[in-house]
């Protein structure tokens, strides 16, 4: 009932604006063309309609079924992801508008990974099918990389956001690896200096005793 009432209000306002725009110059009509198209799209869509308008400011947003009890639905654009087995570096990351079936995104993801890595083997294709192996990476991209909320406009913004989040994830892995390497180098250097100091103290004690 509430939705029907809101549609009634929206229809009245839309028809009133269209009626008042008839004698207006073309430049003024052009300013209202896009908002009126969105309003008419909202008025005519139903529960069973495809390509629904779910967000006024982001018309490219789609409904994605998650299949989970706690979160059965998600609103946004699908992202295809390919990562390495051990280090979890992101090899390919691209937005998939149109809410395609997950199995149909494998070919494009494989093509992107092969172009970027220069690897074309059956093993790569076999490993890319292991969706469960990258669930942890998806979680890090959504929380640490903030891929769960895109603040860039339009479908181009969705594509750029996916690439930037993947790049940030790889940079964090590199920084962590560099920090671990530096820690091991310092441990070896400090360990040698401490052992050297102990040996020099022992020699001095022996000379004094003699």
Protein backbone atom coordinates (compact mmCIF):
# COMPACT_ATOMS: atom_id res chain seq x y z
CA UNK A 1 0.00 0.00 0.00
CA UNK A 2 2.81 2.39 0.82
CA UNK A 3 4.54 1.68 -2.50
CA UNK A 4 1.31 2.28 -4.40
CA UNK A 5 0.80 5.59 -2.65
CA UNK A 6 4.35 6.71 -3.42
CA UNK A 7 3.87 5.78 -7.07
CA UNK A 8 0.68 7.86 -7.11
CA UNK A 9 2.55 10.90 -5.79
CA UNK A 10 5.40 10.35 -8.25
CA UNK A 11 2.98 10.03 -11.18
CA UNK A 12 1.23 13.27 -10.31
CA UNK A 13 4.48 15.19 -10.01
CA UNK A 14 5.86 13.67 -13.23
CA UNK A 15 2.77 14.50 -15.26
CA UNK A 16 2.69 18.02 -13.86
CA UNK A 17 6.33 18.62 -14.83
CA UNK A 18 5.80 17.18 -18.32
CA UNK A 19 2.76 19.40 -18.85
CA UNK A 20 4.62 22.52 -17.77
CA UNK A 21 7.64 21.65 -19.93
CA UNK A 22 5.65 21.54 -23.19
CA UNK A 23 5.93 25.30 -23.88
CA UNK A 24 9.48 25.49 -22.47
CA UNK A 25 12.52 25.94 -24.77
CA UNK A 26 14.45 22.82 -25.86
CA UNK A 27 17.38 23.65 -23.58
CA UNK A 28 15.12 23.56 -20.52
CA UNK A 29 13.46 20.35 -21.67
CA UNK A 30 16.88 18.72 -22.07
CA UNK A 31 17.67 19.42 -18.41
CA UNK A 32 14.63 17.42 -17.28
CA UNK A 33 14.92 14.60 -19.83
CA UNK A 34 17.04 12.23 -17.74
CA UNK A 35 15.12 12.70 -14.43
CA UNK A 36 11.80 12.21 -16.21
CA UNK A 37 13.05 9.03 -17.89
CA UNK A 38 14.04 7.65 -14.49
CA UNK A 39 10.69 8.64 -13.00
CA UNK A 40 8.74 6.94 -15.78
CA UNK A 41 10.94 3.88 -15.41
CA UNK A 42 10.06 3.71 -11.72
CA UNK A 43 6.36 4.13 -12.47
CA UNK A 44 6.18 1.30 -15.01
CA UNK A 45 8.43 -1.29 -13.36
CA UNK A 46 6.88 -4.10 -11.34
CA UNK A 47 8.13 -6.82 -9.03
CA UNK A 48 8.71 -9.15 -11.99
CA UNK A 49 10.37 -6.52 -14.19
CA UNK A 50 13.93 -7.01 -15.35
CA UNK A 51 16.59 -4.30 -15.21
CA UNK A 52 14.87 -2.52 -12.36
CA UNK A 53 15.88 0.95 -11.29
CA UNK A 54 17.05 0.36 -7.71
CA UNK A 55 18.99 3.55 -7.07
CA UNK A 56 18.22 7.02 -8.40
CA UNK A 57 21.82 8.20 -8.29
CA UNK A 58 23.30 4.86 -9.44
CA UNK A 59 20.98 3.35 -12.07
CA UNK A 60 23.55 0.67 -12.91
CA UNK A 61 23.04 -1.06 -9.53
CA UNK A 62 21.69 -4.61 -9.78
CA UNK A 63 20.28 -7.22 -7.41
CA UNK A 64 22.74 -10.06 -6.77
CA UNK A 65 21.55 -13.22 -5.09
CA UNK A 66 24.05 -14.37 -2.43
CA UNK A 67 22.30 -17.59 -1.44
CA UNK A 68 23.07 -17.02 2.24
CA UNK A 69 20.61 -16.98 5.10
CA UNK A 70 22.12 -13.95 6.82
CA UNK A 71 22.51 -12.00 3.57
CA UNK A 72 20.37 -13.43 0.76
CA UNK A 73 20.62 -10.35 -1.48
CA UNK A 74 23.23 -7.76 -2.33
CA UNK A 75 22.97 -4.61 -4.39
CA UNK A 76 25.77 -3.61 -6.72
CA UNK A 77 27.71 -5.02 -9.67
CA UNK A 78 29.44 -8.39 -9.86
CA UNK A 79 33.25 -8.52 -9.89
CA UNK A 80 35.25 -11.43 -11.35
CA UNK A 81 38.49 -12.19 -9.53
CA UNK A 82 41.55 -14.38 -10.16
CA UNK A 83 44.33 -14.82 -7.58
CA UNK A 84 47.49 -16.87 -7.18
CA UNK A 85 47.41 -20.08 -5.14
CA UNK A 86 49.97 -19.30 -2.43
CA UNK A 87 50.62 -15.59 -2.16
CA UNK A 88 47.00 -14.60 -2.97
CA UNK A 89 48.10 -11.85 -5.38
CA UNK A 90 45.28 -10.61 -7.59
CA UNK A 91 45.99 -11.49 -11.22
CA UNK A 92 42.75 -10.21 -12.69
CA UNK A 93 39.86 -8.14 -11.40
CA UNK A 94 37.08 -6.69 -13.53
CA UNK A 95 33.46 -5.64 -13.10
CA UNK A 96 30.76 -7.74 -14.75
CA UNK A 97 27.66 -5.61 -15.44
CA UNK A 98 24.44 -7.33 -16.32
CA UNK A 99 24.58 -9.79 -13.38
CA UNK A 100 25.90 -12.75 -15.43
CA UNK A 101 25.96 -16.31 -14.18
CA UNK A 102 29.14 -17.04 -12.23
CA UNK A 103 30.13 -19.91 -14.49
CA UNK A 104 29.96 -17.69 -17.56
CA UNK A 105 32.50 -15.23 -16.14
CA UNK A 106 35.33 -17.79 -16.09
CA UNK A 107 36.31 -17.35 -19.75
CA UNK A 108 36.72 -13.56 -19.49
CA UNK A 109 38.55 -13.84 -16.18
CA UNK A 110 40.89 -16.44 -17.66
CA UNK A 111 41.54 -14.26 -20.69
CA UNK A 112 42.44 -11.26 -18.53
CA UNK A 113 44.74 -13.31 -16.30
CA UNK A 114 46.51 -14.80 -19.32
CA UNK A 115 47.02 -11.36 -20.89
CA UNK A 116 48.44 -9.86 -17.70
CA UNK A 117 50.58 -12.84 -16.70
CA UNK A 118 51.56 -14.24 -20.08
CA UNK A 119 50.60 -17.76 -18.91
CA UNK A 120 48.35 -19.99 -21.02
CA UNK A 121 48.05 -23.45 -19.46
CA UNK A 122 45.35 -25.90 -18.49
CA UNK A 123 46.55 -25.74 -14.91
CA UNK A 124 45.67 -22.06 -14.74
CA UNK A 125 42.17 -22.73 -16.01
CA UNK A 126 41.73 -25.58 -13.54
CA UNK A 127 42.86 -23.49 -10.60
CA UNK A 128 40.64 -20.56 -11.57
CA UNK A 129 37.61 -22.77 -10.98
CA UNK A 130 38.47 -23.08 -7.28
CA UNK A 131 36.11 -20.36 -6.07
CA UNK A 132 36.33 -21.51 -2.46
CA UNK A 133 40.06 -20.75 -2.44
CA UNK A 134 39.52 -17.04 -2.99
CA UNK A 135 36.67 -16.47 -0.54
CA UNK A 136 39.18 -15.12 2.00
CA UNK A 137 40.63 -12.75 -0.59
CA UNK A 138 37.15 -11.49 -1.44
CA UNK A 139 36.58 -10.78 2.24
CA UNK A 140 39.83 -8.79 2.48
CA UNK A 141 38.96 -6.82 -0.66
CA UNK A 142 35.56 -5.93 0.75
CA UNK A 143 36.76 -4.95 4.23
CA UNK A 144 40.36 -3.76 3.86
CA UNK A 145 40.01 -2.52 0.27
CA UNK A 146 36.44 -1.26 0.79
CA UNK A 147 35.14 -2.89 -2.37
CA UNK A 148 31.82 -3.41 -0.60
CA UNK A 149 30.91 0.22 -1.36
CA UNK A 150 31.83 1.94 -4.63
CA UNK A 151 31.75 5.72 -4.45
CA UNK A 152 32.70 6.29 -8.09
CA UNK A 153 29.97 7.20 -10.55
CA UNK A 154 28.54 5.08 -13.39
CA UNK A 155 29.64 1.72 -14.80
CA UNK A 156 33.09 3.17 -15.55
CA UNK A 157 33.43 3.99 -11.86
CA UNK A 158 32.60 0.39 -10.98
CA UNK A 159 35.31 -0.89 -13.33
CA UNK A 160 37.89 1.58 -12.00
CA UNK A 161 37.01 0.78 -8.41
CA UNK A 162 37.57 -2.95 -8.96
CA UNK A 163 41.02 -2.34 -10.48
CA UNK A 164 42.06 0.12 -7.77
CA UNK A 165 40.96 -2.21 -4.98
CA UNK A 166 42.93 -5.09 -6.53
CA UNK A 167 46.01 -2.88 -6.89
CA UNK A 168 45.73 -1.79 -3.27
CA UNK A 169 45.47 -5.42 -2.14
CA UNK A 170 48.65 -6.33 -4.04
CA UNK A 171 50.49 -3.33 -2.61
CA UNK A 172 49.53 -4.33 0.93
CA UNK A 173 50.89 -7.82 0.30
CA UNK A 174 54.14 -6.40 -1.06
CA UNK A 175 54.55 -4.03 1.88
CA UNK A 176 53.93 -6.90 4.30
CA UNK A 177 56.48 -9.07 2.53
CA UNK A 178 59.05 -6.24 2.55
CA UNK A 179 58.46 -5.69 6.27
CA UNK A 180 59.01 -9.39 6.98
CA UNK A 181 62.19 -9.40 4.89
CA UNK A 182 63.53 -6.34 6.70
CA UNK A 183 62.72 -7.96 10.05
CA UNK A 184 64.67 -11.10 9.15
CA UNK A 185 67.64 -9.03 7.94
CA UNK A 186 67.70 -7.02 11.17
CA UNK A 187 67.41 -10.18 13.27
CA UNK A 188 70.43 -11.69 11.52
CA UNK A 189 72.48 -8.52 11.78
CA UNK A 190 71.62 -7.96 15.43
CA UNK A 191 72.19 -11.62 16.21
CA UNK A 192 75.68 -11.53 14.70
CA UNK A 193 76.57 -8.29 16.46
CA UNK A 194 75.41 -9.69 19.81
CA UNK A 195 77.32 -12.95 19.34
CA UNK A 196 80.39 -10.97 18.26
CA UNK A 197 80.18 -8.81 21.38
CA UNK A 198 79.97 -11.92 23.58
CA UNK A 199 83.05 -13.45 21.93
CA UNK A 200 85.06 -10.26 22.37
CA UNK A 201 84.08 -10.05 26.05
CA UNK A 202 85.14 -13.67 26.56
CA UNK A 203 88.55 -13.06 24.95
CA UNK A 204 89.10 -9.99 27.11
CA UNK A 205 88.23 -11.96 30.26
CA UNK A 206 90.65 -14.73 29.34
CA UNK A 207 93.47 -12.28 28.67
CA UNK A 208 92.86 -10.56 32.00
CA UNK A 209 92.90 -13.87 33.84
CA UNK A 210 96.18 -14.86 32.19
